[in-house]
């Protein structure tokens, strides 16, 4: 059996998939940035979760988000992996 060839092909497919997911996540982020910044909220993702907070660091619960925003975050990329996990951080705008 040609295990190395199969493993190499699988790794190439996974790398290509990961690159496409990163591009889609960036498109989603571009759509979300203005929404979060208008409200003075920050967004952080990592370790299979995300965190949304206001300028004072208080947690904003997902159910308080508009359906359209929540739906984007909860799009399933692959089994059990949501798009929100792949979106880069959005910093809280600095107060003047």
PDB file of N, CA and C in Angstrom:
ATOM      1  N   UNK A   1       0.848  -1.182   0.000  1.00  0.00           N
ATOM      2  CA  UNK A   1       0.000   0.000   0.000  1.00  0.00           C
ATOM      3  C   UNK A   1       0.889   1.239   0.000  1.00  0.00           C
ATOM      4  N   UNK A   2       0.484   2.258  -0.721  1.00  0.00           N
ATOM      5  CA  UNK A   2       1.272   3.485  -0.856  1.00  0.00           C
ATOM      6  C   UNK A   2       0.824   4.527   0.161  1.00  0.00           C
ATOM      7  N   UNK A   3       1.123   4.253   1.407  1.00  0.00           N
ATOM      8  CA  UNK A   3       0.682   5.113   2.494  1.00  0.00           C
ATOM      9  C   UNK A   3       1.238   6.525   2.372  1.00  0.00           C
ATOM     10  N   UNK A   4       2.509   6.654   2.016  1.00  0.00           N
ATOM     11  CA  UNK A   4       3.118   7.996   1.909  1.00  0.00           C
ATOM     12  C   UNK A   4       2.415   8.842   0.850  1.00  0.00           C
ATOM     13  N   UNK A   5       2.109   8.241  -0.278  1.00  0.00           N
ATOM     14  CA  UNK A   5       1.446   8.973  -1.358  1.00  0.00           C
ATOM     15  C   UNK A   5       0.050   9.413  -0.924  1.00  0.00           C
ATOM     16  N   UNK A   6      -0.656   8.529  -0.234  1.00  0.00           N
ATOM     17  CA  UNK A   6      -2.000   8.864   0.253  1.00  0.00           C
ATOM     18  C   UNK A   6      -1.909   9.964   1.306  1.00  0.00           C
ATOM     19  N   UNK A   7      -0.958   9.847   2.227  1.00  0.00           N
ATOM     20  CA  UNK A   7      -0.776  10.863   3.275  1.00  0.00           C
ATOM     21  C   UNK A   7      -0.412  12.210   2.663  1.00  0.00           C
ATOM     22  N   UNK A   8       0.452  12.209   1.663  1.00  0.00           N
ATOM     23  CA  UNK A   8       0.851  13.443   0.993  1.00  0.00           C
ATOM     24  C   UNK A   8      -0.354  14.084   0.297  1.00  0.00           C
ATOM     25  N   UNK A   9      -1.137  13.281  -0.403  1.00  0.00           N
ATOM     26  CA  UNK A   9      -2.324  13.797  -1.088  1.00  0.00           C
ATOM     27  C   UNK A   9      -3.327  14.365  -0.089  1.00  0.00           C
ATOM     28  N   UNK A  10      -3.504  13.684   1.030  1.00  0.00           N
ATOM     29  CA  UNK A  10      -4.415  14.163   2.071  1.00  0.00           C
ATOM     30  C   UNK A  10      -3.913  15.476   2.669  1.00  0.00           C
ATOM     31  N   UNK A  11      -2.620  15.576   2.941  1.00  0.00           N
ATOM     32  CA  UNK A  11      -2.047  16.811   3.484  1.00  0.00           C
ATOM     33  C   UNK A  11      -2.196  17.975   2.514  1.00  0.00           C
ATOM     34  N   UNK A  12      -2.015  17.715   1.230  1.00  0.00           N
ATOM     35  CA  UNK A  12      -2.185  18.764   0.226  1.00  0.00           C
ATOM     36  C   UNK A  12      -3.639  19.226   0.164  1.00  0.00           C
ATOM     37  N   UNK A  13      -4.557  18.271   0.224  1.00  0.00           N
ATOM     38  CA  UNK A  13      -5.987  18.611   0.209  1.00  0.00           C
ATOM     39  C   UNK A  13      -6.353  19.422   1.443  1.00  0.00           C
ATOM     40  N   UNK A  14      -5.834  19.013   2.599  1.00  0.00           N
ATOM     41  CA  UNK A  14      -6.123  19.726   3.851  1.00  0.00           C
ATOM     42  C   UNK A  14      -5.558  21.142   3.809  1.00  0.00           C
ATOM     43  N   UNK A  15      -4.354  21.297   3.284  1.00  0.00           N
ATOM     44  CA  UNK A  15      -3.739  22.630   3.192  1.00  0.00           C
ATOM     45  C   UNK A  15      -4.549  23.536   2.269  1.00  0.00           C
ATOM     46  N   UNK A  16      -5.004  22.990   1.164  1.00  0.00           N
ATOM     47  CA  UNK A  16      -5.824  23.759   0.236  1.00  0.00           C
ATOM     48  C   UNK A  16      -7.147  24.158   0.895  1.00  0.00           C
ATOM     49  N   UNK A  17      -7.774  23.213   1.580  1.00  0.00           N
ATOM     50  CA  UNK A  17      -9.025  23.486   2.293  1.00  0.00           C
ATOM     51  C   UNK A  17      -8.819  24.569   3.344  1.00  0.00           C
ATOM     52  N   UNK A  18      -7.759  24.445   4.134  1.00  0.00           N
ATOM     53  CA  UNK A  18      -7.466  25.437   5.179  1.00  0.00           C
ATOM     54  C   UNK A  18      -7.281  26.823   4.579  1.00  0.00           C
ATOM     55  N   UNK A  19      -6.628  26.898   3.428  1.00  0.00           N
ATOM     56  CA  UNK A  19      -6.416  28.184   2.776  1.00  0.00           C
ATOM     57  C   UNK A  19      -7.747  28.787   2.335  1.00  0.00           C
ATOM     58  N   UNK A  20      -8.620  27.978   1.790  1.00  0.00           N
ATOM     59  CA  UNK A  20      -9.934  28.474   1.370  1.00  0.00           C
ATOM     60  C   UNK A  20     -10.772  28.923   2.572  1.00  0.00           C
ATOM     61  N   UNK A  21     -10.727  28.171   3.649  1.00  0.00           N
ATOM     62  CA  UNK A  21     -11.467  28.549   4.856  1.00  0.00           C
ATOM     63  C   UNK A  21     -10.950  29.880   5.389  1.00  0.00           C
ATOM     64  N   UNK A  22      -9.646  30.078   5.398  1.00  0.00           N
ATOM     65  CA  UNK A  22      -9.066  31.340   5.866  1.00  0.00           C
ATOM     66  C   UNK A  22      -9.557  32.509   5.010  1.00  0.00           C
ATOM     67  N   UNK A  23      -9.680  32.294   3.708  1.00  0.00           N
ATOM     68  CA  UNK A  23     -10.173  33.351   2.819  1.00  0.00           C
ATOM     69  C   UNK A  23     -11.637  33.674   3.109  1.00  0.00           C
ATOM     70  N   UNK A  24     -12.443  32.656   3.318  1.00  0.00           N
ATOM     71  CA  UNK A  24     -13.861  32.867   3.633  1.00  0.00           C
ATOM     72  C   UNK A  24     -13.991  33.553   4.995  1.00  0.00           C
ATOM     73  N   UNK A  25     -13.190  33.132   5.962  1.00  0.00           N
ATOM     74  CA  UNK A  25     -13.226  33.758   7.284  1.00  0.00           C
ATOM     75  C   UNK A  25     -12.858  35.229   7.196  1.00  0.00           C
ATOM     76  N   UNK A  26     -11.922  35.562   6.336  1.00  0.00           N
ATOM     77  CA  UNK A  26     -11.538  36.971   6.171  1.00  0.00           C
ATOM     78  C   UNK A  26     -12.683  37.771   5.552  1.00  0.00           C
ATOM     79  N   UNK A  27     -13.397  37.189   4.599  1.00  0.00           N
ATOM     80  CA  UNK A  27     -14.576  37.853   4.037  1.00  0.00           C
ATOM     81  C   UNK A  27     -15.634  38.096   5.111  1.00  0.00           C
ATOM     82  N   UNK A  28     -15.855  37.094   5.951  1.00  0.00           N
ATOM     83  CA  UNK A  28     -16.818  37.237   7.043  1.00  0.00           C
ATOM     84  C   UNK A  28     -16.368  38.327   8.008  1.00  0.00           C
ATOM     85  N   UNK A  29     -15.074  38.350   8.322  1.00  0.00           N
ATOM     86  CA  UNK A  29     -14.537  39.361   9.236  1.00  0.00           C
ATOM     87  C   UNK A  29     -14.775  40.760   8.693  1.00  0.00           C
ATOM     88  N   UNK A  30     -14.539  40.940   7.387  1.00  0.00           N
ATOM     89  CA  UNK A  30     -14.758  42.247   6.774  1.00  0.00           C
ATOM     90  C   UNK A  30     -16.202  42.704   6.949  1.00  0.00           C
ATOM     91  N   UNK A  31     -17.136  41.780   6.906  1.00  0.00           N
ATOM     92  CA  UNK A  31     -18.547  42.106   7.093  1.00  0.00           C
ATOM     93  C   UNK A  31     -18.854  42.442   8.552  1.00  0.00           C
ATOM     94  N   UNK A  32     -18.139  41.826   9.469  1.00  0.00           N
ATOM     95  CA  UNK A  32     -18.425  42.001  10.899  1.00  0.00           C
ATOM     96  C   UNK A  32     -17.719  43.196  11.536  1.00  0.00           C
ATOM     97  N   UNK A  33     -16.595  43.615  10.972  1.00  0.00           N
ATOM     98  CA  UNK A  33     -15.779  44.669  11.590  1.00  0.00           C
ATOM     99  C   UNK A  33     -16.599  45.923  11.886  1.00  0.00           C
ATOM    100  N   UNK A  34     -17.294  46.441  10.912  1.00  0.00           N
ATOM    101  CA  UNK A  34     -18.056  47.680  11.129  1.00  0.00           C
ATOM    102  C   UNK A  34     -19.121  47.510  12.200  1.00  0.00           C
ATOM    103  N   UNK A  35     -19.810  46.388  12.184  1.00  0.00           N
ATOM    104  CA  UNK A  35     -20.849  46.132  13.184  1.00  0.00           C
ATOM    105  C   UNK A  35     -20.257  46.178  14.594  1.00  0.00           C
ATOM    106  N   UNK A  36     -19.155  45.478  14.792  1.00  0.00           N
ATOM    107  CA  UNK A  36     -18.537  45.425  16.122  1.00  0.00           C
ATOM    108  C   UNK A  36     -17.933  46.781  16.500  1.00  0.00           C
ATOM    109  N   UNK A  37     -17.257  47.419  15.582  1.00  0.00           N
ATOM    110  CA  UNK A  37     -16.604  48.689  15.902  1.00  0.00           C
ATOM    111  C   UNK A  37     -17.614  49.794  16.203  1.00  0.00           C
ATOM    112  N   UNK A  38     -18.754  49.826  15.502  1.00  0.00           N
ATOM    113  CA  UNK A  38     -19.790  50.825  15.786  1.00  0.00           C
ATOM    114  C   UNK A  38     -20.279  50.720  17.220  1.00  0.00           C
ATOM    115  N   UNK A  39     -20.259  49.523  17.760  1.00  0.00           N
ATOM    116  CA  UNK A  39     -20.752  49.294  19.118  1.00  0.00           C
ATOM    117  C   UNK A  39     -19.633  49.329  20.164  1.00  0.00           C
ATOM    118  N   UNK A  40     -18.396  49.453  19.693  1.00  0.00           N
ATOM    119  CA  UNK A  40     -17.270  49.458  20.618  1.00  0.00           C
ATOM    120  C   UNK A  40     -16.993  48.088  21.205  1.00  0.00           C
ATOM    121  N   UNK A  41     -17.285  47.059  20.433  1.00  0.00           N
ATOM    122  CA  UNK A  41     -17.090  45.692  20.893  1.00  0.00           C
ATOM    123  C   UNK A  41     -15.824  45.105  20.298  1.00  0.00           C
ATOM    124  N   UNK A  42     -15.236  44.176  21.019  1.00  0.00           N
ATOM    125  CA  UNK A  42     -14.099  43.432  20.493  1.00  0.00           C
ATOM    126  C   UNK A  42     -14.517  41.976  20.310  1.00  0.00           C
ATOM    127  N   UNK A  43     -13.763  41.280  19.476  1.00  0.00           N
ATOM    128  CA  UNK A  43     -14.044  39.889  19.155  1.00  0.00           C
ATOM    129  C   UNK A  43     -12.720  39.137  19.170  1.00  0.00           C
ATOM    130  N   UNK A  44     -12.680  38.053  19.904  1.00  0.00           N
ATOM    131  CA  UNK A  44     -11.485  37.207  19.939  1.00  0.00           C
ATOM    132  C   UNK A  44     -11.917  35.754  19.763  1.00  0.00           C
ATOM    133  N   UNK A  45     -11.122  35.017  19.011  1.00  0.00           N
ATOM    134  CA  UNK A  45     -11.427  33.598  18.802  1.00  0.00           C
ATOM    135  C   UNK A  45     -10.168  32.774  19.026  1.00  0.00           C
ATOM    136  N   UNK A  46     -10.367  31.575  19.515  1.00  0.00           N
ATOM    137  CA  UNK A  46      -9.256  30.652  19.709  1.00  0.00           C
ATOM    138  C   UNK A  46      -9.675  29.480  20.560  1.00  0.00           C
ATOM    139  N   UNK A  47      -8.968  28.391  20.417  1.00  0.00           N
ATOM    140  CA  UNK A  47      -9.213  27.178  21.202  1.00  0.00           C
ATOM    141  C   UNK A  47     -10.659  26.697  21.111  1.00  0.00           C
ATOM    142  N   UNK A  48     -11.258  26.824  19.929  1.00  0.00           N
ATOM    143  CA  UNK A  48     -12.594  26.303  19.721  1.00  0.00           C
ATOM    144  C   UNK A  48     -13.706  27.124  20.345  1.00  0.00           C
ATOM    145  N   UNK A  49     -13.481  28.397  20.517  1.00  0.00           N
ATOM    146  CA  UNK A  49     -14.519  29.276  21.062  1.00  0.00           C
ATOM    147  C   UNK A  49     -14.271  30.700  20.595  1.00  0.00           C
ATOM    148  N   UNK A  50     -15.168  31.597  20.918  1.00  0.00           N
ATOM    149  CA  UNK A  50     -14.936  33.024  20.684  1.00  0.00           C
ATOM    150  C   UNK A  50     -15.505  33.798  21.848  1.00  0.00           C
ATOM    151  N   UNK A  51     -15.089  35.051  21.959  1.00  0.00           N
ATOM    152  CA  UNK A  51     -15.467  35.920  23.063  1.00  0.00           C
ATOM    153  C   UNK A  51     -15.734  37.301  22.490  1.00  0.00           C
ATOM    154  N   UNK A  52     -16.881  37.855  22.804  1.00  0.00           N
ATOM    155  CA  UNK A  52     -17.247  39.206  22.382  1.00  0.00           C
ATOM    156  C   UNK A  52     -17.422  40.025  23.647  1.00  0.00           C
ATOM    157  N   UNK A  53     -16.792  41.204  23.683  1.00  0.00           N
ATOM    158  CA  UNK A  53     -16.904  42.035  24.886  1.00  0.00           C
ATOM    159  C   UNK A  53     -17.030  43.508  24.504  1.00  0.00           C
ATOM    160  N   UNK A  54     -17.569  44.284  25.445  1.00  0.00           N
ATOM    161  CA  UNK A  54     -17.682  45.724  25.223  1.00  0.00           C
ATOM    162  C   UNK A  54     -16.418  46.415  25.719  1.00  0.00           C
ATOM    163  N   UNK A  55     -16.398  47.744  25.656  1.00  0.00           N
ATOM    164  CA  UNK A  55     -15.197  48.504  26.056  1.00  0.00           C
ATOM    165  C   UNK A  55     -14.793  48.258  27.504  1.00  0.00           C
ATOM    166  N   UNK A  56     -15.757  47.930  28.323  1.00  0.00           N
ATOM    167  CA  UNK A  56     -15.462  47.678  29.739  1.00  0.00           C
ATOM    168  C   UNK A  56     -15.065  46.230  30.008  1.00  0.00           C
ATOM    169  N   UNK A  57     -15.011  45.428  28.944  1.00  0.00           N
ATOM    170  CA  UNK A  57     -14.621  44.032  29.094  1.00  0.00           C
ATOM    171  C   UNK A  57     -15.768  43.109  29.466  1.00  0.00           C
ATOM    172  N   UNK A  58     -17.001  43.633  29.465  1.00  0.00           N
ATOM    173  CA  UNK A  58     -18.157  42.797  29.804  1.00  0.00           C
ATOM    174  C   UNK A  58     -18.510  41.911  28.613  1.00  0.00           C
ATOM    175  N   UNK A  59     -18.803  40.670  28.907  1.00  0.00           N
ATOM    176  CA  UNK A  59     -19.128  39.671  27.880  1.00  0.00           C
ATOM    177  C   UNK A  59     -20.459  40.004  27.205  1.00  0.00           C
ATOM    178  N   UNK A  60     -20.486  39.926  25.879  1.00  0.00           N
ATOM    179  CA  UNK A  60     -21.706  40.066  25.095  1.00  0.00           C
ATOM    180  C   UNK A  60     -22.112  38.652  24.680  1.00  0.00           C
ATOM    181  N   UNK A  61     -23.249  38.214  25.127  1.00  0.00           N
ATOM    182  CA  UNK A  61     -23.693  36.852  24.845  1.00  0.00           C
ATOM    183  C   UNK A  61     -24.201  36.736  23.412  1.00  0.00           C
ATOM    184  N   UNK A  62     -23.971  35.577  22.825  1.00  0.00           N
ATOM    185  CA  UNK A  62     -24.341  35.341  21.432  1.00  0.00           C
ATOM    186  C   UNK A  62     -25.818  35.594  21.168  1.00  0.00           C
ATOM    187  N   UNK A  63     -26.682  35.233  22.098  1.00  0.00           N
ATOM    188  CA  UNK A  63     -28.116  35.387  21.847  1.00  0.00           C
ATOM    189  C   UNK A  63     -28.535  36.855  21.750  1.00  0.00           C
ATOM    190  N   UNK A  64     -27.664  37.785  22.148  1.00  0.00           N
ATOM    191  CA  UNK A  64     -27.956  39.214  22.034  1.00  0.00           C
ATOM    192  C   UNK A  64     -27.539  39.782  20.677  1.00  0.00           C
ATOM    193  N   UNK A  65     -26.871  38.978  19.869  1.00  0.00           N
ATOM    194  CA  UNK A  65     -26.453  39.411  18.534  1.00  0.00           C
ATOM    195  C   UNK A  65     -27.631  39.290  17.569  1.00  0.00           C
ATOM    196  N   UNK A  66     -27.649  40.140  16.542  1.00  0.00           N
ATOM    197  CA  UNK A  66     -28.680  39.963  15.514  1.00  0.00           C
ATOM    198  C   UNK A  66     -28.531  38.583  14.858  1.00  0.00           C
ATOM    199  N   UNK A  67     -29.628  38.052  14.394  1.00  0.00           N
ATOM    200  CA  UNK A  67     -29.625  36.724  13.778  1.00  0.00           C
ATOM    201  C   UNK A  67     -28.605  36.626  12.659  1.00  0.00           C
ATOM    202  N   UNK A  68     -28.505  37.636  11.819  1.00  0.00           N
ATOM    203  CA  UNK A  68     -27.575  37.590  10.677  1.00  0.00           C
ATOM    204  C   UNK A  68     -26.123  37.439  11.143  1.00  0.00           C
ATOM    205  N   UNK A  69     -25.736  38.144  12.210  1.00  0.00           N
ATOM    206  CA  UNK A  69     -24.373  38.049  12.748  1.00  0.00           C
ATOM    207  C   UNK A  69     -24.161  36.669  13.362  1.00  0.00           C
ATOM    208  N   UNK A  70     -25.100  36.247  14.171  1.00  0.00           N
ATOM    209  CA  UNK A  70     -25.002  34.937  14.818  1.00  0.00           C
ATOM    210  C   UNK A  70     -24.938  33.819  13.772  1.00  0.00           C
ATOM    211  N   UNK A  71     -25.751  33.933  12.721  1.00  0.00           N
ATOM    212  CA  UNK A  71     -25.756  32.907  11.679  1.00  0.00           C
ATOM    213  C   UNK A  71     -24.395  32.777  11.001  1.00  0.00           C
ATOM    214  N   UNK A  72     -23.710  33.906  10.765  1.00  0.00           N
ATOM    215  CA  UNK A  72     -22.374  33.856  10.155  1.00  0.00           C
ATOM    216  C   UNK A  72     -21.401  33.133  11.087  1.00  0.00           C
ATOM    217  N   UNK A  73     -21.403  33.490  12.356  1.00  0.00           N
ATOM    218  CA  UNK A  73     -20.484  32.869  13.305  1.00  0.00           C
ATOM    219  C   UNK A  73     -20.723  31.367  13.436  1.00  0.00           C
ATOM    220  N   UNK A  74     -21.973  30.952  13.298  1.00  0.00           N
ATOM    221  CA  UNK A  74     -22.332  29.550  13.503  1.00  0.00           C
ATOM    222  C   UNK A  74     -22.353  28.708  12.224  1.00  0.00           C
ATOM    223  N   UNK A  75     -21.919  29.258  11.094  1.00  0.00           N
ATOM    224  CA  UNK A  75     -21.814  28.444   9.882  1.00  0.00           C
ATOM    225  C   UNK A  75     -20.812  27.320  10.124  1.00  0.00           C
ATOM    226  N   UNK A  76     -21.193  26.109   9.784  1.00  0.00           N
ATOM    227  CA  UNK A  76     -20.307  24.966  10.025  1.00  0.00           C
ATOM    228  C   UNK A  76     -19.338  24.798   8.864  1.00  0.00           C
ATOM    229  N   UNK A  77     -18.050  24.889   9.173  1.00  0.00           N
ATOM    230  CA  UNK A  77     -16.982  24.746   8.184  1.00  0.00           C
ATOM    231  C   UNK A  77     -16.731  23.268   7.903  1.00  0.00           C
ATOM    232  N   UNK A  78     -16.646  22.515   8.952  1.00  0.00           N
ATOM    233  CA  UNK A  78     -16.525  21.062   8.898  1.00  0.00           C
ATOM    234  C   UNK A  78     -17.150  20.544  10.180  1.00  0.00           C
ATOM    235  N   UNK A  79     -17.255  19.266  10.322  1.00  0.00           N
ATOM    236  CA  UNK A  79     -17.966  18.688  11.462  1.00  0.00           C
ATOM    237  C   UNK A  79     -17.507  19.305  12.799  1.00  0.00           C
ATOM    238  N   UNK A  80     -18.404  20.020  13.449  1.00  0.00           N
ATOM    239  CA  UNK A  80     -18.121  20.600  14.762  1.00  0.00           C
ATOM    240  C   UNK A  80     -17.237  21.832  14.759  1.00  0.00           C
ATOM    241  N   UNK A  81     -16.855  22.304  13.593  1.00  0.00           N
ATOM    242  CA  UNK A  81     -15.980  23.479  13.506  1.00  0.00           C
ATOM    243  C   UNK A  81     -16.763  24.632  12.890  1.00  0.00           C
ATOM    244  N   UNK A  82     -17.004  25.668  13.670  1.00  0.00           N
ATOM    245  CA  UNK A  82     -17.807  26.799  13.222  1.00  0.00           C
ATOM    246  C   UNK A  82     -16.933  27.894  12.631  1.00  0.00           C
ATOM    247  N   UNK A  83     -17.479  28.643  11.683  1.00  0.00           N
ATOM    248  CA  UNK A  83     -16.724  29.704  11.032  1.00  0.00           C
ATOM    249  C   UNK A  83     -16.183  30.715  12.044  1.00  0.00           C
ATOM    250  N   UNK A  84     -16.939  30.983  13.098  1.00  0.00           N
ATOM    251  CA  UNK A  84     -16.496  31.924  14.122  1.00  0.00           C
ATOM    252  C   UNK A  84     -15.150  31.583  14.738  1.00  0.00           C
ATOM    253  N   UNK A  85     -14.778  30.308  14.725  1.00  0.00           N
ATOM    254  CA  UNK A  85     -13.481  29.889  15.266  1.00  0.00           C
ATOM    255  C   UNK A  85     -12.329  30.362  14.388  1.00  0.00           C
ATOM    256  N   UNK A  86     -12.604  30.651  13.137  1.00  0.00           N
ATOM    257  CA  UNK A  86     -11.564  30.966  12.161  1.00  0.00           C
ATOM    258  C   UNK A  86     -11.433  32.458  11.868  1.00  0.00           C
ATOM    259  N   UNK A  87     -12.315  33.270  12.428  1.00  0.00           N
ATOM    260  CA  UNK A  87     -12.303  34.712  12.164  1.00  0.00           C
ATOM    261  C   UNK A  87     -11.271  35.383  13.066  1.00  0.00           C
ATOM    262  N   UNK A  88     -10.396  36.187  12.437  1.00  0.00           N
ATOM    263  CA  UNK A  88      -9.365  36.890  13.205  1.00  0.00           C
ATOM    264  C   UNK A  88      -9.998  37.884  14.169  1.00  0.00           C
ATOM    265  N   UNK A  89      -9.249  38.240  15.197  1.00  0.00           N
ATOM    266  CA  UNK A  89      -9.728  39.168  16.221  1.00  0.00           C
ATOM    267  C   UNK A  89     -10.129  40.514  15.633  1.00  0.00           C
ATOM    268  N   UNK A  90     -11.080  41.149  16.273  1.00  0.00           N
ATOM    269  CA  UNK A  90     -11.516  42.502  15.960  1.00  0.00           C
ATOM    270  C   UNK A  90     -11.328  43.301  17.242  1.00  0.00           C
ATOM    271  N   UNK A  91     -10.458  44.288  17.210  1.00  0.00           N
ATOM    272  CA  UNK A  91     -10.143  45.076  18.404  1.00  0.00           C
ATOM    273  C   UNK A  91     -11.208  46.134  18.643  1.00  0.00           C
ATOM    274  N   UNK A  92     -11.383  46.474  19.908  1.00  0.00           N
ATOM    275  CA  UNK A  92     -12.266  47.573  20.274  1.00  0.00           C
ATOM    276  C   UNK A  92     -11.640  48.865  19.834  1.00  0.00           C
ATOM    277  N   UNK A  93     -12.389  49.746  19.138  1.00  0.00           N
ATOM    278  CA  UNK A  93     -11.812  51.024  18.745  1.00  0.00           C
ATOM    279  C   UNK A  93     -11.420  51.833  19.980  1.00  0.00           C
ATOM    280  N   UNK A  94     -10.335  52.542  19.864  1.00  0.00           N
ATOM    281  CA  UNK A  94      -9.864  53.362  20.977  1.00  0.00           C
ATOM    282  C   UNK A  94     -10.769  54.573  21.157  1.00  0.00           C
ATOM    283  N   UNK A  95     -11.081  54.868  22.421  1.00  0.00           N
ATOM    284  CA  UNK A  95     -11.891  56.055  22.715  1.00  0.00           C
ATOM    285  C   UNK A  95     -11.009  57.288  22.603  1.00  0.00           C
ATOM    286  N   UNK A  96     -11.602  58.408  22.100  1.00  0.00           N
ATOM    287  CA  UNK A  96     -10.807  59.637  21.974  1.00  0.00           C
ATOM    288  C   UNK A  96     -10.910  60.463  23.217  1.00  0.00           C
TER     289      UNK A  96
END
